[in-house]
């Protein structure tokens, strides 16, 4: 039986950030619940980091280390949304400066390594198969390639993404607000003065497209739609995805300008927004997408992972130090994040009115006036 102060389930950005901030003062075990090798995080689609991350990384004392990773700057966004002509929003007047287009695998590996360097133990892969609480301690059973392991922990953090594998075992419920999926792939792309340093979004009748440059002479391409629509059943192969870009003329022109060429397979991932109720309890909390997940259109997922990872670490540390109100404050903060996000999301989708009768857009209209988000039926 191993004892630890904090067990963190999920070694992505939220979990690793929590570990980075807790490890100098607490005994931390960080586990990756996925069946992947510890040294090689899985490929992820989220690769845009907002300018405000500069403050978080600076507060954590890791900004200079982040810059050494060589991620590409992001100077703004272009969108064909609500009309037929691109509209540009740049970061020139943002007090935090520019954002970044990340090599996501490098970024995730860097955060995990920082957590280990600061004293956290990393176990991967491992999966929670049982958890009970008695006399203020959690007894947790894990399955690993070496067999079953048991440990005790004073505090638990679920950073396992939107599936919240730990919180659901503790009775929390995920309240989803849509059924969006994302089909995406990476590809080679030559330098282009027209497309460098900017993300690009284009709305179409059955969803919306996203593309952005990433380090290493590559680019990501992604299409977002609802899981129950026929378009989501297009074969998940590069040829089918490339053929569908013909519905987005401005996007197709950008891909042609940079000579985009698919590299590897296309992938499909769930991209639903939602909240966990409650986001924690006595001796545990959820962070990152496990606590509150955003529509990918917000481009705030990674920033939310860093922010809630840091806030979750502070709440856990305060709880372990005897602050009985630490979780209540954390819960109010998560609720505030979710409420602010919903207002912005409803406004974004309310601006696109070209296809009012198309199922994807009909589900997203009229919510900016205070109505509930309409889930697909």
Foldseek 3Di string as FASTA:
>chain_A
DAEWAEEEEALFLLSLLLLLVQLLPTAYEYEDQDQDDPQWDDDDDQFWFFLVVCVLCVVSVCNVVVVVLPFAWAFWAWEAFLHRDIDTDGCPPPPSGTITGEPRRSVSNVSNVSSVVSHYHYHPHKHWDDWDDDPQKIWTWIQDPVGIDIYIYNAYEYAPAQVSRPVVVVPKDKDWQEQKKKKKFKWAWADDPVAANYKYKYDFLFFIKIKHDIPDRMMMIMTMGGCPDPVVVQPFFPVSVLVVCVRPVVVVVVCVRGVTDTDDTIDMDTQIWTAIVQQADQRYGYAQNNGTGARCVVSCRSVRSNVRSNLVSVLSVCVVVPPPCSVVVSRVVSVVVRVVRVLVQLVRLQSHDPNCPRVRSVQRHPPNVPDGRRYDD
